[in-house]
């Protein structure tokens, strides 16, 4: 695993690594079936210009995104590198998230099937399994749906809902995750989708037992280590043959 040193300017090799890592994560989402038409995007902070971020363009399927397709967005929401079209929701949402949480370097939003299904319920996922404890006290619900997020004020409200957490369930919309790395943002998204799958199945046949808060909190802290997210991401990419 390559890491970026906060004390030295990133090298061209490090920038290539970040951009390739982002493309790998986007393709992983494609392999997981998280794509839906023109919806969904994944962004990461530029390692040199920390107030800029890279994101996938509008209209390119998750499975087909290449490094050359990525767009660099400046603090005003303008495309300053890349030739594609930026999704009109990107800077209103991801720009505000990057500005509100500079400690998180990557954000992912999709209209995945189970993410959409769970979002209609307007409530958090519960700690009903060991794996779901990863999300305990790390995600919130943004309860208002007013159409696609194209207004910066709504982006600020979603960032406020995120608070110090790592994920938001957007009412009647889908999941949004943030991470200290691209891999963590991606793995949290996969984990949320799987937790929604299990909880929807469990609630279809009965009332799931909630793990006690203290146990869920302790388990979540153990599962939430950054190195675990990196390993889970790499393993999943290898298993699905994503590069």
Foldseek 3Di string as FASTA:
>chain_A
DDDDDPVDQDDPVVQVVQLVLQLLLLLLCVLVVQADAQDKKKKFARRHPRLKIKMAATGAHSNGDDSLRIFIAHLVRDTPDHDGHHDLLCCLAVSLLCVLCVLFGMKIWTQGDLQLVVLQVQADQFQQDLLCLLCVVQEFEDADDDDRRNHNVVNNVVSVRNPPHFWYRYHNGGIMGTHSGSLLNSLVRVSRSVSSVVVVVVVVVHDGDGDDPVVSNVSNVVCNDPVNSVVVSVVSCVVSVGD
